[in-house]
Amino acid sequence: MHILIVDDESAIRKGIERTLLSSFPQYRIHLAANAEQAMALLRTQPMNIVFTDILMPGMTGLQLMDISRHRHPLVKWVVISAYSEFAYAQEAIRLGAKDYLLKPFGKDALNEMVEKLGEEVVRETEHTEEMLQLKSNRKYLQEAVFQRWAMGLDTGRIDMKPFMDKHPHFFLIMVKMESDKVVQLDNFIIENVLLELIEKHGKGFVTLYDSKSLLGLVTLPDGTRLQSLIEELRGHLIKYLRVPFQIMSTERIEQFQAVPAEVQRMRQASATQIYEYYANGSDRSIEVALQYIRTHYHADLSLEKVASIVYLNPAYFSQLFKQKTGQGFKEYVIHLRLEQAKQLLLNPKLKLIDITERIGYHDLRHFSQVFRKKYGTTPSEYRQEQSVNSSF
């Protein structure tokens, strides 16, 4: 039996682990501090029971359940939280949670729940585990073969006829992300959401094309519009992704041999297609960036460094920053530093060189030039003017 505990509070994770190991030493306990770690563990180790906190940085426990339950249908989910709002409980049950625990909860309640869920797991997995494993192995082989085919690479002696028979006509959907950071969590989100929508609207599968792109194949019933699936996909990605993304698709394809060329066409189209990034997410990213700048204005600040803090491409971040603040990044930083300098200049005990260093400049002459260019007066002249004004 494998149990995963997902909570950003180390004391909670360790406390549950100690309790369960004391009562169920035969069970394997896995720990995750956030949804990203949890997803990585779910991918590598089949879990039987998952305890997840609701409110965690980045992604909530309910969001983790929502995007994972389709890929891991046998998992027993238990939501743990210090927040007793009924809406959370309702949503957790709707998503398939087996139970809902409020912090702090007793050892007896925890042990009883695990014992009950453990019995359910044993009953349900006896007949289904082997079948699911075989199905999973076939699926991964299918995805790996299709990935090579889509890239125009040799598939060896593997017969492609079963693919063609199962999908005599189909559409391709590519989702490409823009980020200088590792996007493992976002890859997982896209894969799960796209696969669930493909199976909702028709049949098909999803494969990783490269580290920043995923490729889906979907065969739709006659009369079903691909656009409906894409709009649903866009809505989910807007809700969950933390990076800009593109969605590209093909017309209906009836010749399997056309796949490599269609994939290349979509990749070429991505060069001129604007990346999408949802308003709330972009507002939050810029707010985080502004907070970081206000706190670190005295340090070496580059656009590239701040963009990396919020997981955005520097060029995209620069465009978004100006759109949200009305100022360019460099212009904003200079204004912030000089406004702070004006406050420091009111203190006669501070030397100009000290003020220069405090606001992030290393050269007094350069600081004086920048100050004069913006305010029409040198720092020394400004200090004198303020001193004279305050004496009246």
Protein backbone atom coordinates (compact mmCIF):
# COMPACT_ATOMS: atom_id res chain seq x y z
CA MET A 1 0.00 0.00 0.00
CA HIS A 2 1.38 3.40 -1.02
CA ILE A 3 0.13 6.56 0.71
CA LEU A 4 1.01 10.09 -0.39
CA ILE A 5 0.79 13.07 1.98
CA VAL A 6 0.68 16.50 0.30
CA ASP A 7 0.96 19.52 2.61
CA ASP A 8 3.14 22.62 2.55
CA GLU A 9 3.54 22.46 6.34
CA SER A 10 6.40 20.14 7.25
CA ALA A 11 5.03 19.53 10.75
CA ILE A 12 1.72 18.27 9.32
CA ARG A 13 3.42 15.98 6.79
CA LYS A 14 5.77 14.49 9.36
CA GLY A 15 3.01 14.16 11.96
CA ILE A 16 0.75 12.16 9.65
CA GLU A 17 3.73 10.06 8.53
CA ARG A 18 4.68 9.19 12.14
CA THR A 19 1.10 8.25 13.02
CA LEU A 20 0.63 6.02 9.99
CA LEU A 21 4.02 4.29 10.27
CA SER A 22 3.30 3.57 13.91
CA SER A 23 -0.03 1.90 13.13
CA PHE A 24 0.72 0.58 9.62
CA PRO A 25 4.46 -0.18 9.43
CA GLN A 26 3.88 -2.30 6.33
CA TYR A 27 2.70 0.72 4.29
CA ARG A 28 4.97 2.95 2.19
CA ILE A 29 4.54 6.65 3.00
CA HIS A 30 5.53 9.33 0.46
CA LEU A 31 5.73 13.08 1.22
CA ALA A 32 5.23 16.12 -1.02
CA ALA A 33 5.40 19.79 -0.02
CA ASN A 34 3.36 21.03 -2.99
CA ALA A 35 1.32 19.93 -6.00
CA GLU A 36 4.33 19.84 -8.31
CA GLN A 37 6.15 17.32 -6.10
CA ALA A 38 2.92 15.34 -5.73
CA MET A 39 2.45 15.09 -9.50
CA ALA A 40 6.03 13.89 -9.96
CA LEU A 41 5.44 11.14 -7.38
CA LEU A 42 2.08 10.16 -8.88
CA ARG A 43 3.79 9.74 -12.23
CA THR A 44 6.53 7.46 -10.95
CA GLN A 45 4.74 5.50 -8.23
CA PRO A 46 1.12 4.24 -8.29
CA MET A 47 -0.49 5.64 -5.13
CA ASN A 48 -3.43 4.04 -3.34
CA ILE A 49 -4.37 6.86 -0.96
CA VAL A 50 -3.55 10.58 -1.21
CA PHE A 51 -4.00 13.01 1.68
CA THR A 52 -3.86 16.58 0.36
CA ASP A 53 -4.14 19.96 2.00
CA ILE A 54 -6.56 22.36 0.31
CA LEU A 55 -4.75 25.70 0.34
CA MET A 56 -1.11 25.46 -0.74
CA PRO A 57 1.17 27.87 -2.63
CA GLY A 58 0.96 27.54 -6.41
CA MET A 59 -1.84 25.02 -6.83
CA THR A 60 -4.58 24.04 -4.39
CA GLY A 61 -5.31 20.48 -3.32
CA LEU A 62 -8.64 20.63 -5.14
CA GLN A 63 -6.91 21.63 -8.38
CA LEU A 64 -4.44 18.79 -7.87
CA MET A 65 -7.37 16.38 -7.55
CA ASP A 66 -9.15 17.85 -10.55
CA ILE A 67 -6.28 17.41 -13.00
CA SER A 68 -5.02 14.07 -11.59
CA ARG A 69 -8.17 12.01 -11.05
CA HIS A 70 -8.63 11.14 -14.71
CA ARG A 71 -5.13 9.68 -15.02
CA HIS A 72 -5.25 8.02 -11.59
CA PRO A 73 -8.83 6.72 -11.27
CA LEU A 74 -8.10 4.21 -8.46
CA VAL A 75 -6.60 6.74 -6.03
CA LYS A 76 -8.55 7.34 -2.81
CA TRP A 77 -8.40 11.09 -2.09
CA VAL A 78 -8.74 12.58 1.38
CA VAL A 79 -8.80 16.37 1.74
CA ILE A 80 -7.25 17.86 4.89
CA SER A 81 -7.57 21.51 5.79
CA ALA A 82 -7.86 24.04 8.58
CA TYR A 83 -10.56 25.79 6.59
CA SER A 84 -14.04 24.58 7.42
CA GLU A 85 -16.02 26.47 4.76
CA PHE A 86 -18.70 24.12 3.47
CA ALA A 87 -17.99 25.13 -0.14
CA TYR A 88 -14.60 23.43 0.05
CA ALA A 89 -16.16 20.24 1.36
CA GLN A 90 -18.78 20.29 -1.39
CA GLU A 91 -16.17 20.76 -4.10
CA ALA A 92 -13.95 18.03 -2.63
CA ILE A 93 -16.82 15.53 -2.66
CA ARG A 94 -17.82 16.56 -6.19
CA LEU A 95 -14.29 15.80 -7.34
CA GLY A 96 -14.44 12.36 -5.75
CA ALA A 97 -12.82 12.80 -2.34
CA LYS A 98 -13.52 9.88 0.00
CA ASP A 99 -13.46 12.05 3.08
CA TYR A 100 -12.70 15.50 4.46
CA LEU A 101 -10.65 16.12 7.63
CA LEU A 102 -10.33 19.39 9.52
CA LYS A 103 -7.05 20.24 11.25
CA PRO A 104 -6.33 19.38 13.97
CA PHE A 105 -7.59 15.82 13.73
CA GLY A 106 -6.89 12.96 16.13
CA LYS A 107 -4.72 9.91 15.55
CA ASP A 108 -7.65 7.55 16.02
CA ALA A 109 -9.72 9.24 13.32
CA LEU A 110 -6.77 9.13 10.93
CA ASN A 111 -6.02 5.46 11.61
CA GLU A 112 -9.67 4.44 11.25
CA MET A 113 -9.92 6.22 7.92
CA VAL A 114 -6.76 4.59 6.55
CA GLU A 115 -7.91 1.16 7.72
CA LYS A 116 -11.29 1.62 6.01
CA LEU A 117 -9.76 2.97 2.78
CA GLY A 118 -7.12 0.23 2.83
CA GLU A 119 -9.84 -2.41 2.78
CA GLU A 120 -11.50 -0.67 -0.18
CA VAL A 121 -8.19 -0.55 -2.04
CA VAL A 122 -7.59 -4.29 -1.56
CA ARG A 123 -11.08 -5.18 -2.80
CA GLU A 124 -10.93 -2.94 -5.86
CA THR A 125 -7.39 -3.54 -7.03
CA GLU A 126 -7.38 -7.35 -6.97
CA HIS A 127 -9.10 -7.59 -10.35
CA THR A 128 -8.31 -4.26 -11.97
CA GLU A 129 -4.62 -3.55 -11.30
CA GLU A 130 -3.20 -6.04 -13.80
CA MET A 131 -5.64 -4.95 -16.50
CA LEU A 132 -4.81 -1.27 -15.96
CA GLN A 133 -1.08 -2.00 -16.05
CA LEU A 134 -1.38 -3.75 -19.40
CA LYS A 135 -3.50 -0.92 -20.76
CA SER A 136 -0.99 1.64 -19.48
CA ASN A 137 1.94 -0.19 -21.08
CA ARG A 138 0.15 -0.30 -24.43
CA LYS A 139 -0.70 3.39 -24.16
CA TYR A 140 2.89 4.44 -23.45
CA LEU A 141 4.17 2.35 -26.36
CA GLN A 142 1.56 3.92 -28.64
CA GLU A 143 2.54 7.42 -27.56
CA ALA A 144 6.27 6.75 -27.99
CA VAL A 145 5.79 5.34 -31.50
CA PHE A 146 3.53 8.24 -32.54
CA GLN A 147 6.01 10.77 -31.15
CA ARG A 148 8.76 9.37 -33.41
CA TRP A 149 6.38 9.28 -36.37
CA ALA A 150 5.33 12.91 -35.79
CA MET A 151 8.97 13.98 -35.73
CA GLY A 152 9.58 12.22 -39.02
CA LEU A 153 11.88 9.64 -37.38
CA ASP A 154 12.16 5.97 -38.22
CA THR A 155 9.72 3.75 -36.28
CA GLY A 156 11.66 0.58 -37.07
CA ARG A 157 9.63 -2.49 -37.83
CA ILE A 158 6.62 -1.38 -35.81
CA ASP A 159 3.46 -1.79 -37.88
CA MET A 160 1.53 1.50 -38.11
CA LYS A 161 -1.59 -0.19 -39.50
CA PRO A 162 -3.30 -0.54 -36.05
CA PHE A 163 -3.00 3.26 -35.67
CA MET A 164 -4.48 3.85 -39.09
CA ASP A 165 -7.35 1.39 -38.56
CA LYS A 166 -8.27 2.94 -35.22
CA HIS A 167 -8.07 6.51 -36.55
CA PRO A 168 -9.07 6.57 -40.23
CA HIS A 169 -9.54 10.33 -39.85
CA PHE A 170 -8.38 12.64 -37.06
CA PHE A 171 -7.24 16.10 -36.01
CA LEU A 172 -3.93 17.10 -34.41
CA ILE A 173 -3.72 19.62 -31.57
CA MET A 174 -0.43 21.09 -30.41
CA VAL A 175 0.04 23.08 -27.20
CA LYS A 176 3.32 24.96 -26.97
CA MET A 177 4.56 26.86 -23.90
CA GLU A 178 6.90 29.83 -23.61
CA SER A 179 9.19 29.76 -20.58
CA ASP A 180 12.88 29.81 -19.71
CA LYS A 181 12.15 27.60 -16.70
CA VAL A 182 11.51 23.87 -16.46
CA VAL A 183 7.78 23.35 -17.05
CA GLN A 184 7.29 19.82 -15.77
CA LEU A 185 4.16 20.73 -13.80
CA ASP A 186 2.65 22.59 -16.77
CA ASN A 187 3.42 19.64 -19.06
CA PHE A 188 1.55 17.37 -16.65
CA ILE A 189 -1.42 19.75 -16.54
CA ILE A 190 -1.69 20.00 -20.33
CA GLU A 191 -1.37 16.24 -20.76
CA ASN A 192 -4.12 15.46 -18.27
CA VAL A 193 -6.52 18.20 -19.37
CA LEU A 194 -6.10 17.52 -23.10
CA LEU A 195 -6.45 13.74 -22.66
CA GLU A 196 -9.62 14.15 -20.61
CA LEU A 197 -11.15 16.43 -23.26
CA ILE A 198 -10.14 14.08 -26.09
CA GLU A 199 -11.87 11.19 -24.36
CA LYS A 200 -14.87 13.37 -23.57
CA HIS A 201 -15.38 14.45 -27.19
CA GLY A 202 -14.06 11.42 -29.07
CA LYS A 203 -11.06 9.12 -28.85
CA GLY A 204 -7.31 9.56 -29.12
CA PHE A 205 -4.20 10.16 -27.05
CA VAL A 206 -1.58 12.75 -26.05
CA THR A 207 2.20 12.54 -26.35
CA LEU A 208 5.09 14.80 -25.39
CA TYR A 209 6.60 16.31 -28.56
CA ASP A 210 9.48 18.14 -26.87
CA SER A 211 10.16 19.74 -23.48
CA LYS A 212 7.82 22.69 -24.21
CA SER A 213 5.24 21.12 -26.58
CA LEU A 214 2.59 18.42 -26.38
CA LEU A 215 0.78 16.84 -29.29
CA GLY A 216 -2.73 15.39 -29.17
CA LEU A 217 -4.50 13.22 -31.73
CA VAL A 218 -8.30 13.10 -31.63
CA THR A 219 -10.89 11.34 -33.77
CA LEU A 220 -14.26 13.05 -33.41
CA PRO A 221 -17.70 11.66 -34.25
CA ASP A 222 -19.18 13.09 -37.44
CA GLY A 223 -20.83 16.43 -36.76
CA THR A 224 -18.63 17.25 -33.73
CA ARG A 225 -16.68 20.50 -34.02
CA LEU A 226 -13.00 20.56 -33.08
CA GLN A 227 -13.41 24.20 -32.06
CA SER A 228 -15.60 23.20 -29.11
CA LEU A 229 -12.82 20.99 -27.73
CA ILE A 230 -10.21 23.71 -28.29
CA GLU A 231 -12.27 26.36 -26.51
CA GLU A 232 -12.71 24.05 -23.52
CA LEU A 233 -8.99 23.34 -23.57
CA ARG A 234 -8.18 27.05 -23.67
CA GLY A 235 -10.49 27.69 -20.71
CA HIS A 236 -8.78 25.02 -18.58
CA LEU A 237 -5.26 26.14 -19.51
CA ILE A 238 -6.13 29.76 -18.72
CA LYS A 239 -7.23 28.55 -15.29
CA TYR A 240 -4.29 26.31 -14.46
CA LEU A 241 -1.14 27.20 -16.43
CA ARG A 242 1.45 29.60 -15.03
CA VAL A 243 3.18 30.28 -18.35
CA PRO A 244 2.14 31.77 -21.73
CA PHE A 245 0.94 29.18 -24.23
CA GLN A 246 -0.22 28.64 -27.81
CA ILE A 247 -2.82 26.22 -29.14
CA MET A 248 -2.53 25.13 -32.76
CA SER A 249 -4.57 22.57 -34.70
CA THR A 250 -5.00 21.02 -38.12
CA GLU A 251 -7.89 20.48 -40.46
CA ARG A 252 -9.26 16.92 -40.61
CA ILE A 253 -6.49 14.51 -41.69
CA GLU A 254 -7.29 11.31 -43.57
CA GLN A 255 -3.77 10.22 -44.57
CA PHE A 256 -1.53 9.09 -41.71
CA GLN A 257 1.52 9.85 -43.83
CA ALA A 258 0.62 13.55 -43.64
CA VAL A 259 1.30 13.75 -39.88
CA PRO A 260 5.02 14.84 -39.95
CA ALA A 261 4.33 17.61 -42.47
CA GLU A 262 1.29 18.87 -40.52
CA VAL A 263 3.30 18.94 -37.29
CA GLN A 264 6.03 20.99 -38.97
CA ARG A 265 3.38 23.36 -40.34
CA MET A 266 2.03 23.95 -36.83
CA ARG A 267 5.53 24.55 -35.45
CA GLN A 268 6.24 27.08 -38.19
CA ALA A 269 2.91 28.79 -37.51
CA SER A 270 3.81 29.15 -33.84
CA ALA A 271 6.61 31.59 -34.78
CA THR A 272 4.04 34.22 -35.77
CA GLN A 273 1.23 33.33 -33.35
CA ILE A 274 0.77 35.43 -30.22
CA TYR A 275 1.10 33.61 -26.90
CA GLU A 276 -1.93 33.62 -24.65
CA TYR A 277 -1.67 34.46 -20.96
CA TYR A 278 -4.72 35.00 -18.82
CA ALA A 279 -5.41 38.41 -17.29
CA ASN A 280 -5.51 37.29 -13.67
CA GLY A 281 -2.31 35.33 -14.09
CA SER A 282 -0.47 38.18 -15.80
CA ASP A 283 -1.68 40.65 -13.17
CA ARG A 284 -0.40 38.33 -10.47
CA SER A 285 2.96 37.88 -12.21
CA ILE A 286 3.49 41.62 -12.55
CA GLU A 287 2.41 42.19 -8.96
CA VAL A 288 4.97 39.63 -7.78
CA ALA A 289 7.60 41.30 -9.98
CA LEU A 290 6.77 44.75 -8.59
CA GLN A 291 6.95 43.46 -5.04
CA TYR A 292 10.34 41.93 -5.78
CA ILE A 293 11.61 45.17 -7.35
CA ARG A 294 10.43 47.28 -4.41
CA THR A 295 12.24 44.96 -2.02
CA HIS A 296 15.44 44.57 -4.05
CA TYR A 297 15.73 47.96 -5.82
CA HIS A 298 19.11 48.49 -4.10
CA ALA A 299 20.56 45.28 -5.61
CA ASP A 300 21.65 44.48 -9.15
CA LEU A 301 18.32 44.29 -10.97
CA SER A 302 18.11 43.11 -14.56
CA LEU A 303 15.01 42.50 -16.63
CA GLU A 304 16.19 38.92 -17.21
CA LYS A 305 16.55 38.24 -13.49
CA VAL A 306 13.12 39.59 -12.55
CA ALA A 307 11.48 37.79 -15.50
CA SER A 308 12.94 34.52 -14.23
CA ILE A 309 11.40 35.13 -10.80
CA VAL A 310 7.92 34.98 -12.35
CA TYR A 311 8.72 32.23 -14.88
CA LEU A 312 8.36 34.44 -17.96
CA ASN A 313 10.40 34.93 -21.10
CA PRO A 314 12.27 38.29 -20.82
CA ALA A 315 10.86 39.70 -24.06
CA TYR A 316 7.30 38.73 -23.10
CA PHE A 317 7.82 40.02 -19.54
CA SER A 318 9.07 43.38 -20.85
CA GLN A 319 5.99 43.75 -23.03
CA LEU A 320 3.63 42.70 -20.23
CA PHE A 321 5.35 44.97 -17.67
CA LYS A 322 4.89 48.06 -19.83
CA GLN A 323 1.30 47.11 -20.61
CA LYS A 324 0.43 46.74 -16.90
CA THR A 325 2.45 49.63 -15.40
CA GLY A 326 2.59 52.14 -18.26
CA GLN A 327 6.40 52.27 -17.89
CA GLY A 328 9.30 50.30 -19.27
CA PHE A 329 11.16 48.08 -16.81
CA LYS A 330 14.32 50.22 -16.75
CA GLU A 331 12.31 53.44 -16.50
CA TYR A 332 10.34 52.05 -13.54
CA VAL A 333 13.47 50.93 -11.65
CA ILE A 334 15.20 54.28 -12.18
CA HIS A 335 12.11 56.18 -10.97
CA LEU A 336 11.82 53.98 -7.87
CA ARG A 337 15.51 54.41 -7.00
CA LEU A 338 15.50 58.16 -7.49
CA GLU A 339 12.32 58.68 -5.45
CA GLN A 340 13.98 56.73 -2.66
CA ALA A 341 17.12 58.86 -3.09
CA LYS A 342 15.04 62.04 -2.60
CA GLN A 343 13.84 60.71 0.74
CA LEU A 344 17.37 59.78 1.82
CA LEU A 345 18.72 63.20 0.79
CA LEU A 346 16.52 64.78 3.47
CA ASN A 347 18.80 63.18 6.08
CA PRO A 348 21.87 65.48 6.34
CA LYS A 349 23.86 62.80 8.17
CA LEU A 350 23.95 60.53 5.13
CA LYS A 351 26.83 61.04 2.71
CA LEU A 352 26.08 61.12 -1.01
CA ILE A 353 28.21 58.02 -1.60
CA ASP A 354 26.19 56.13 1.04
CA ILE A 355 22.92 57.15 -0.61
CA THR A 356 24.32 56.10 -3.99
CA GLU A 357 25.03 52.58 -2.72
CA ARG A 358 21.75 52.30 -0.82
CA ILE A 359 19.68 52.81 -3.96
CA GLY A 360 21.65 50.38 -6.10
CA TYR A 361 24.18 52.58 -7.89
CA HIS A 362 27.91 51.96 -7.64
CA ASP A 363 29.17 55.24 -9.06
CA LEU A 364 28.37 58.65 -7.53
CA ARG A 365 28.98 60.49 -10.78
CA HIS A 366 26.57 58.23 -12.67
CA PHE A 367 23.95 58.63 -9.91
CA SER A 368 24.28 62.44 -10.10
CA GLN A 369 23.89 62.41 -13.90
CA VAL A 370 20.75 60.24 -13.75
CA PHE A 371 19.27 62.37 -10.93
CA ARG A 372 19.92 65.63 -12.80
CA LYS A 373 18.49 64.28 -16.04
CA LYS A 374 15.22 63.40 -14.30
CA TYR A 375 14.79 66.32 -11.90
CA GLY A 376 16.88 69.11 -13.49
CA THR A 377 19.09 69.44 -10.42
CA THR A 378 21.98 67.53 -8.86
CA PRO A 379 21.54 65.53 -5.61
CA SER A 380 23.62 68.14 -3.73
CA GLU A 381 21.55 71.04 -5.09
CA TYR A 382 18.32 69.19 -4.26
CA ARG A 383 19.53 68.64 -0.69
CA GLN A 384 20.38 72.34 -0.31
CA GLU A 385 17.00 73.43 -1.70
CA GLN A 386 15.15 71.16 0.70
CA SER A 387 17.26 72.36 3.62
CA VAL A 388 16.51 75.99 2.79
CA ASN A 389 12.78 75.30 2.37
CA SER A 390 12.56 73.45 5.69
CA SER A 391 14.17 76.37 7.53
CA PHE A 392 11.29 78.73 6.69
